[in-house]
Amino acid sequence: MDPSRTLSDTWSGSDPVTSSLVHDSPDSLKHVSVRKVVTWFKEAHQIVIEDTNVHFFDDRASNVQSFEGSGFNALQVSCASRDRNIDYGAVGLCGGTHAEVVRKSGVHICVPISDVMV
């Protein structure tokens, strides 16, 4: 990890957040940890990050959907490689690809396989 990019050289838990790097943030509450990271940047480094400039990526739809109404952007990744045996494809098999990490405004989940036209 490069502290010149993250302004952190340690990881913090989700409460309290004392770093830009957070571990063990509970599923469906990732938006709360992201809010705390944005606050940490402001309070610890006087860096103000507008909500519209925050982008979150996760392979679980529930984590992405929890960002609705937050003002942050969230995008589900690993859409092409879902584990069809776990919670109706809740988990991406290999995580996101570089191509999926894009600046896209709003909150977006993968299209369920049942909704795809063949």
N, C-alpha and C. Protein backbone atom coordinates (compact mmCIF):
# COMPACT_ATOMS: atom_id res chain seq x y z
N MET A 1 0.84 -1.17 0.00
CA MET A 1 0.00 0.00 0.00
C MET A 1 0.89 1.23 0.00
N ASP A 2 0.51 2.21 -0.75
CA ASP A 2 1.29 3.43 -0.91
C ASP A 2 0.60 4.56 -0.15
N PRO A 3 1.16 4.93 1.05
CA PRO A 3 0.51 5.97 1.85
C PRO A 3 0.40 7.31 1.15
N SER A 4 1.21 7.55 0.12
CA SER A 4 1.08 8.82 -0.60
C SER A 4 -0.22 8.87 -1.39
N ARG A 5 -0.79 7.71 -1.68
CA ARG A 5 -2.07 7.65 -2.41
C ARG A 5 -3.26 7.53 -1.48
N THR A 6 -3.09 6.85 -0.35
CA THR A 6 -4.21 6.60 0.55
C THR A 6 -4.22 7.51 1.77
N LEU A 7 -3.11 8.21 2.01
CA LEU A 7 -2.90 9.03 3.21
C LEU A 7 -3.02 8.20 4.48
N SER A 8 -2.85 6.90 4.34
CA SER A 8 -2.89 5.96 5.45
C SER A 8 -1.84 4.89 5.24
N ASP A 9 -1.27 4.43 6.33
CA ASP A 9 -0.39 3.27 6.23
C ASP A 9 -0.86 2.15 7.15
N THR A 10 -2.05 2.33 7.71
CA THR A 10 -2.66 1.30 8.54
C THR A 10 -4.13 1.15 8.18
N TRP A 11 -4.69 0.02 8.54
CA TRP A 11 -6.11 -0.25 8.34
C TRP A 11 -6.85 0.01 9.64
N SER A 12 -8.08 0.45 9.52
CA SER A 12 -8.91 0.62 10.72
C SER A 12 -10.14 -0.27 10.59
N GLY A 13 -10.75 -0.57 11.73
CA GLY A 13 -12.03 -1.25 11.71
C GLY A 13 -13.10 -0.27 11.27
N SER A 14 -14.32 -0.74 11.22
CA SER A 14 -15.41 0.11 10.72
C SER A 14 -15.94 1.09 11.76
N ASP A 15 -15.54 0.92 13.03
CA ASP A 15 -16.00 1.86 14.05
C ASP A 15 -15.05 1.83 15.24
N PRO A 16 -14.28 2.87 15.44
CA PRO A 16 -14.27 4.09 14.63
C PRO A 16 -13.38 3.93 13.40
N VAL A 17 -13.62 4.75 12.40
CA VAL A 17 -12.77 4.79 11.21
C VAL A 17 -11.66 5.79 11.47
N THR A 18 -10.43 5.31 11.42
CA THR A 18 -9.26 6.15 11.70
C THR A 18 -8.24 6.09 10.57
N SER A 19 -8.72 5.82 9.37
CA SER A 19 -7.86 5.61 8.22
C SER A 19 -8.73 5.64 6.97
N SER A 20 -8.07 5.76 5.82
CA SER A 20 -8.82 5.65 4.57
C SER A 20 -9.01 4.19 4.16
N LEU A 21 -8.39 3.29 4.91
CA LEU A 21 -8.46 1.86 4.64
C LEU A 21 -9.27 1.19 5.74
N VAL A 22 -10.38 0.54 5.38
CA VAL A 22 -11.29 -0.03 6.36
C VAL A 22 -11.48 -1.52 6.10
N HIS A 23 -11.42 -2.30 7.18
CA HIS A 23 -11.71 -3.74 7.09
C HIS A 23 -12.90 -4.07 7.98
N ASP A 24 -13.49 -5.21 7.71
CA ASP A 24 -14.60 -5.73 8.52
C ASP A 24 -15.82 -4.82 8.58
N SER A 25 -16.09 -4.12 7.50
CA SER A 25 -17.31 -3.34 7.43
C SER A 25 -18.45 -4.32 7.13
N PRO A 26 -19.50 -4.31 7.93
CA PRO A 26 -20.58 -5.29 7.74
C PRO A 26 -21.29 -5.14 6.39
N ASP A 27 -21.69 -6.28 5.83
CA ASP A 27 -22.48 -6.26 4.60
C ASP A 27 -23.73 -5.41 4.82
N SER A 28 -24.15 -4.73 3.78
CA SER A 28 -25.31 -3.84 3.74
C SER A 28 -25.12 -2.57 4.57
N LEU A 29 -23.95 -2.41 5.19
CA LEU A 29 -23.63 -1.17 5.92
C LEU A 29 -22.36 -0.52 5.41
N LYS A 30 -21.92 -0.92 4.23
CA LYS A 30 -20.70 -0.37 3.64
C LYS A 30 -20.83 1.14 3.44
N HIS A 31 -22.02 1.60 3.12
CA HIS A 31 -22.23 3.03 2.91
C HIS A 31 -21.93 3.84 4.18
N VAL A 32 -22.16 3.24 5.34
CA VAL A 32 -21.85 3.92 6.60
C VAL A 32 -20.34 4.07 6.75
N SER A 33 -19.60 3.02 6.44
CA SER A 33 -18.14 3.09 6.51
C SER A 33 -17.59 4.08 5.50
N VAL A 34 -18.16 4.11 4.30
CA VAL A 34 -17.70 5.06 3.29
C VAL A 34 -17.94 6.49 3.77
N ARG A 35 -19.08 6.76 4.38
CA ARG A 35 -19.36 8.09 4.93
C ARG A 35 -18.29 8.44 5.98
N LYS A 36 -17.92 7.48 6.82
CA LYS A 36 -16.91 7.72 7.84
C LYS A 36 -15.53 7.98 7.23
N VAL A 37 -15.21 7.33 6.12
CA VAL A 37 -13.94 7.59 5.44
C VAL A 37 -13.93 9.01 4.88
N VAL A 38 -15.01 9.42 4.26
CA VAL A 38 -15.11 10.79 3.73
C VAL A 38 -14.94 11.80 4.86
N THR A 39 -15.57 11.53 6.00
CA THR A 39 -15.43 12.40 7.17
C THR A 39 -13.99 12.39 7.68
N TRP A 40 -13.34 11.23 7.68
CA TRP A 40 -11.95 11.13 8.12
C TRP A 40 -11.04 12.00 7.25
N PHE A 41 -11.23 11.95 5.94
CA PHE A 41 -10.42 12.79 5.04
C PHE A 41 -10.58 14.27 5.40
N LYS A 42 -11.82 14.67 5.66
CA LYS A 42 -12.09 16.08 5.99
C LYS A 42 -11.48 16.47 7.33
N GLU A 43 -11.70 15.65 8.35
CA GLU A 43 -11.24 16.00 9.69
C GLU A 43 -9.74 15.80 9.89
N ALA A 44 -9.17 14.74 9.33
CA ALA A 44 -7.76 14.43 9.55
C ALA A 44 -6.83 15.15 8.58
N HIS A 45 -7.35 15.48 7.39
CA HIS A 45 -6.48 16.04 6.34
C HIS A 45 -7.04 17.29 5.67
N GLN A 46 -8.16 17.78 6.14
CA GLN A 46 -8.81 18.95 5.55
C GLN A 46 -9.04 18.78 4.05
N ILE A 47 -9.36 17.55 3.65
CA ILE A 47 -9.68 17.25 2.26
C ILE A 47 -11.17 16.99 2.17
N VAL A 48 -11.86 17.83 1.41
CA VAL A 48 -13.30 17.68 1.25
C VAL A 48 -13.56 16.93 -0.06
N ILE A 49 -14.24 15.82 0.05
CA ILE A 49 -14.60 15.02 -1.12
C ILE A 49 -16.11 15.08 -1.26
N GLU A 50 -16.57 15.61 -2.36
CA GLU A 50 -18.01 15.69 -2.61
C GLU A 50 -18.57 14.27 -2.78
N ASP A 51 -19.76 14.06 -2.28
CA ASP A 51 -20.39 12.75 -2.38
C ASP A 51 -20.44 12.24 -3.82
N THR A 52 -20.68 13.13 -4.76
CA THR A 52 -20.78 12.73 -6.16
C THR A 52 -19.45 12.26 -6.75
N ASN A 53 -18.35 12.50 -6.03
CA ASN A 53 -17.02 12.06 -6.48
C ASN A 53 -16.56 10.78 -5.79
N VAL A 54 -17.45 10.17 -5.01
CA VAL A 54 -17.13 8.92 -4.32
C VAL A 54 -17.72 7.77 -5.12
N HIS A 55 -16.88 6.76 -5.39
CA HIS A 55 -17.30 5.58 -6.15
C HIS A 55 -16.98 4.33 -5.36
N PHE A 56 -17.97 3.47 -5.17
CA PHE A 56 -17.84 2.23 -4.41
C PHE A 56 -18.11 1.07 -5.35
N PHE A 57 -17.32 0.00 -5.21
CA PHE A 57 -17.46 -1.19 -6.05
C PHE A 57 -17.53 -2.42 -5.16
N ASP A 58 -18.47 -3.32 -5.45
CA ASP A 58 -18.63 -4.53 -4.64
C ASP A 58 -19.28 -5.59 -5.52
N ASP A 59 -19.08 -6.86 -5.15
CA ASP A 59 -19.72 -7.92 -5.94
C ASP A 59 -21.06 -8.36 -5.37
N ARG A 60 -21.48 -7.83 -4.24
CA ARG A 60 -22.78 -8.16 -3.66
C ARG A 60 -23.80 -7.06 -3.95
N ALA A 61 -24.93 -7.46 -4.51
CA ALA A 61 -25.99 -6.49 -4.84
C ALA A 61 -26.48 -5.76 -3.59
N SER A 62 -26.61 -6.47 -2.47
CA SER A 62 -27.13 -5.84 -1.26
C SER A 62 -26.21 -4.72 -0.77
N ASN A 63 -24.91 -4.90 -0.92
CA ASN A 63 -23.96 -3.85 -0.51
C ASN A 63 -24.09 -2.64 -1.41
N VAL A 64 -24.27 -2.87 -2.69
CA VAL A 64 -24.41 -1.77 -3.65
C VAL A 64 -25.75 -1.06 -3.44
N GLN A 65 -26.82 -1.82 -3.29
CA GLN A 65 -28.15 -1.23 -3.12
C GLN A 65 -28.25 -0.38 -1.86
N SER A 66 -27.45 -0.70 -0.85
CA SER A 66 -27.50 0.08 0.40
C SER A 66 -27.04 1.52 0.19
N PHE A 67 -26.43 1.82 -0.94
CA PHE A 67 -25.97 3.18 -1.24
C PHE A 67 -27.09 4.07 -1.79
N GLU A 68 -28.27 3.50 -2.08
CA GLU A 68 -29.40 4.30 -2.55
C GLU A 68 -29.68 5.43 -1.57
N GLY A 69 -29.76 6.64 -2.07
CA GLY A 69 -30.08 7.79 -1.25
C GLY A 69 -28.89 8.38 -0.50
N SER A 70 -27.71 7.79 -0.63
CA SER A 70 -26.53 8.26 0.10
C SER A 70 -25.85 9.45 -0.57
N GLY A 71 -26.09 9.62 -1.86
CA GLY A 71 -25.38 10.64 -2.62
C GLY A 71 -24.10 10.12 -3.23
N PHE A 72 -23.66 8.91 -2.81
CA PHE A 72 -22.47 8.27 -3.36
C PHE A 72 -22.86 7.46 -4.61
N ASN A 73 -21.85 7.10 -5.37
CA ASN A 73 -22.03 6.23 -6.52
C ASN A 73 -21.61 4.82 -6.12
N ALA A 74 -22.34 3.81 -6.57
CA ALA A 74 -22.01 2.43 -6.25
C ALA A 74 -22.31 1.55 -7.45
N LEU A 75 -21.41 0.62 -7.71
CA LEU A 75 -21.52 -0.23 -8.90
C LEU A 75 -21.18 -1.66 -8.53
N GLN A 76 -22.06 -2.58 -8.88
CA GLN A 76 -21.78 -3.99 -8.66
C GLN A 76 -20.84 -4.47 -9.75
N VAL A 77 -19.81 -5.20 -9.34
CA VAL A 77 -18.82 -5.74 -10.27
C VAL A 77 -18.87 -7.26 -10.25
N SER A 78 -18.09 -7.87 -11.09
CA SER A 78 -18.06 -9.32 -11.26
C SER A 78 -19.39 -9.82 -11.81
N CYS A 79 -19.98 -9.00 -12.67
CA CYS A 79 -21.29 -9.34 -13.23
C CYS A 79 -21.24 -10.54 -14.17
N ALA A 80 -20.13 -10.72 -14.86
CA ALA A 80 -20.04 -11.83 -15.81
C ALA A 80 -19.68 -13.15 -15.13
N SER A 81 -19.13 -13.08 -13.93
CA SER A 81 -18.73 -14.32 -13.24
C SER A 81 -19.41 -14.40 -11.88
N ARG A 82 -20.62 -14.89 -11.86
CA ARG A 82 -21.39 -15.01 -10.62
C ARG A 82 -21.34 -16.47 -10.15
N ASP A 83 -21.35 -16.68 -8.86
CA ASP A 83 -21.47 -18.02 -8.31
C ASP A 83 -22.96 -18.32 -8.23
N ARG A 84 -23.45 -19.07 -9.17
CA ARG A 84 -24.89 -19.35 -9.29
C ARG A 84 -25.39 -20.24 -8.15
N ASN A 85 -24.49 -20.82 -7.36
CA ASN A 85 -24.90 -21.72 -6.29
C ASN A 85 -25.04 -21.03 -4.93
N ILE A 86 -24.63 -19.80 -4.83
CA ILE A 86 -24.67 -19.09 -3.55
C ILE A 86 -25.66 -17.94 -3.63
N ASP A 87 -26.70 -18.00 -2.83
CA ASP A 87 -27.66 -16.88 -2.70
C ASP A 87 -28.02 -16.26 -4.05
N TYR A 88 -28.39 -17.07 -5.00
CA TYR A 88 -28.82 -16.61 -6.31
C TYR A 88 -27.78 -15.71 -6.99
N GLY A 89 -26.54 -16.14 -6.93
CA GLY A 89 -25.49 -15.40 -7.62
C GLY A 89 -25.04 -14.17 -6.86
N ALA A 90 -25.10 -14.22 -5.54
CA ALA A 90 -24.76 -13.05 -4.74
C ALA A 90 -23.28 -12.71 -4.78
N VAL A 91 -22.43 -13.68 -5.06
CA VAL A 91 -20.99 -13.46 -4.97
C VAL A 91 -20.33 -13.64 -6.33
N GLY A 92 -19.44 -12.71 -6.66
CA GLY A 92 -18.66 -12.84 -7.89
C GLY A 92 -17.55 -13.85 -7.69
N LEU A 93 -17.34 -14.72 -8.65
CA LEU A 93 -16.34 -15.76 -8.50
C LEU A 93 -14.92 -15.21 -8.46
N CYS A 94 -14.63 -14.25 -9.26
CA CYS A 94 -13.25 -13.76 -9.35
C CYS A 94 -13.14 -12.28 -9.07
N GLY A 95 -14.16 -11.68 -8.54
CA GLY A 95 -14.12 -10.25 -8.30
C GLY A 95 -14.29 -9.47 -9.59
N GLY A 96 -14.20 -8.17 -9.48
CA GLY A 96 -14.39 -7.32 -10.65
C GLY A 96 -13.20 -7.32 -11.58
N THR A 97 -13.45 -6.91 -12.79
CA THR A 97 -12.38 -6.75 -13.77
C THR A 97 -12.06 -5.27 -13.90
N HIS A 98 -10.89 -4.98 -14.45
CA HIS A 98 -10.52 -3.58 -14.67
C HIS A 98 -11.58 -2.86 -15.51
N ALA A 99 -12.14 -3.57 -16.47
CA ALA A 99 -13.14 -2.97 -17.36
C ALA A 99 -14.40 -2.55 -16.62
N GLU A 100 -14.68 -3.20 -15.48
CA GLU A 100 -15.89 -2.88 -14.72
C GLU A 100 -15.71 -1.67 -13.80
N VAL A 101 -14.49 -1.30 -13.53
CA VAL A 101 -14.22 -0.18 -12.62
C VAL A 101 -14.26 1.11 -13.44
N VAL A 102 -15.44 1.71 -13.47
CA VAL A 102 -15.68 2.91 -14.27
C VAL A 102 -16.38 3.96 -13.43
N ARG A 103 -16.24 5.19 -13.83
CA ARG A 103 -16.95 6.28 -13.17
C ARG A 103 -18.36 6.35 -13.75
N LYS A 104 -19.28 5.80 -13.01
CA LYS A 104 -20.67 5.77 -13.44
C LYS A 104 -21.50 6.36 -12.31
N SER A 105 -22.27 7.37 -12.60
CA SER A 105 -23.08 8.03 -11.58
C SER A 105 -24.28 7.18 -11.20
N GLY A 106 -24.61 7.20 -9.91
CA GLY A 106 -25.78 6.49 -9.43
C GLY A 106 -25.43 5.16 -8.80
N VAL A 107 -26.44 4.35 -8.58
CA VAL A 107 -26.30 3.04 -7.96
C VAL A 107 -26.76 2.00 -8.96
N HIS A 108 -25.88 1.03 -9.28
CA HIS A 108 -26.16 0.08 -10.35
C HIS A 108 -25.78 -1.33 -9.94
N ILE A 109 -26.73 -2.27 -10.10
CA ILE A 109 -26.44 -3.68 -9.84
C ILE A 109 -26.47 -4.44 -11.16
N CYS A 110 -25.94 -5.66 -11.12
CA CYS A 110 -25.94 -6.53 -12.30
C CYS A 110 -27.37 -6.88 -12.67
N VAL A 111 -27.59 -7.10 -13.93
CA VAL A 111 -28.90 -7.55 -14.39
C VAL A 111 -29.02 -9.02 -14.01
N PRO A 112 -30.08 -9.42 -13.29
CA PRO A 112 -30.23 -10.83 -12.94
C PRO A 112 -30.24 -11.71 -14.19
N ILE A 113 -29.65 -12.87 -14.10
CA ILE A 113 -29.53 -13.77 -15.24
C ILE A 113 -30.91 -14.07 -15.83
N SER A 114 -31.94 -14.10 -15.00
CA SER A 114 -33.29 -14.39 -15.49
C SER A 114 -33.86 -13.25 -16.34
N ASP A 115 -33.26 -12.06 -16.22
CA ASP A 115 -33.75 -10.90 -16.98
C ASP A 115 -33.02 -10.70 -18.30
N VAL A 116 -31.99 -11.50 -18.54
CA VAL A 116 -31.19 -11.34 -19.76
C VAL A 116 -31.90 -12.02 -20.92
N MET A 117 -32.07 -11.31 -22.00
CA MET A 117 -32.71 -11.86 -23.20
C MET A 117 -31.67 -12.67 -23.96
N VAL A 118 -32.02 -13.86 -24.41
CA VAL A 118 -31.10 -14.69 -25.19
C VAL A 118 -31.56 -14.82 -26.60
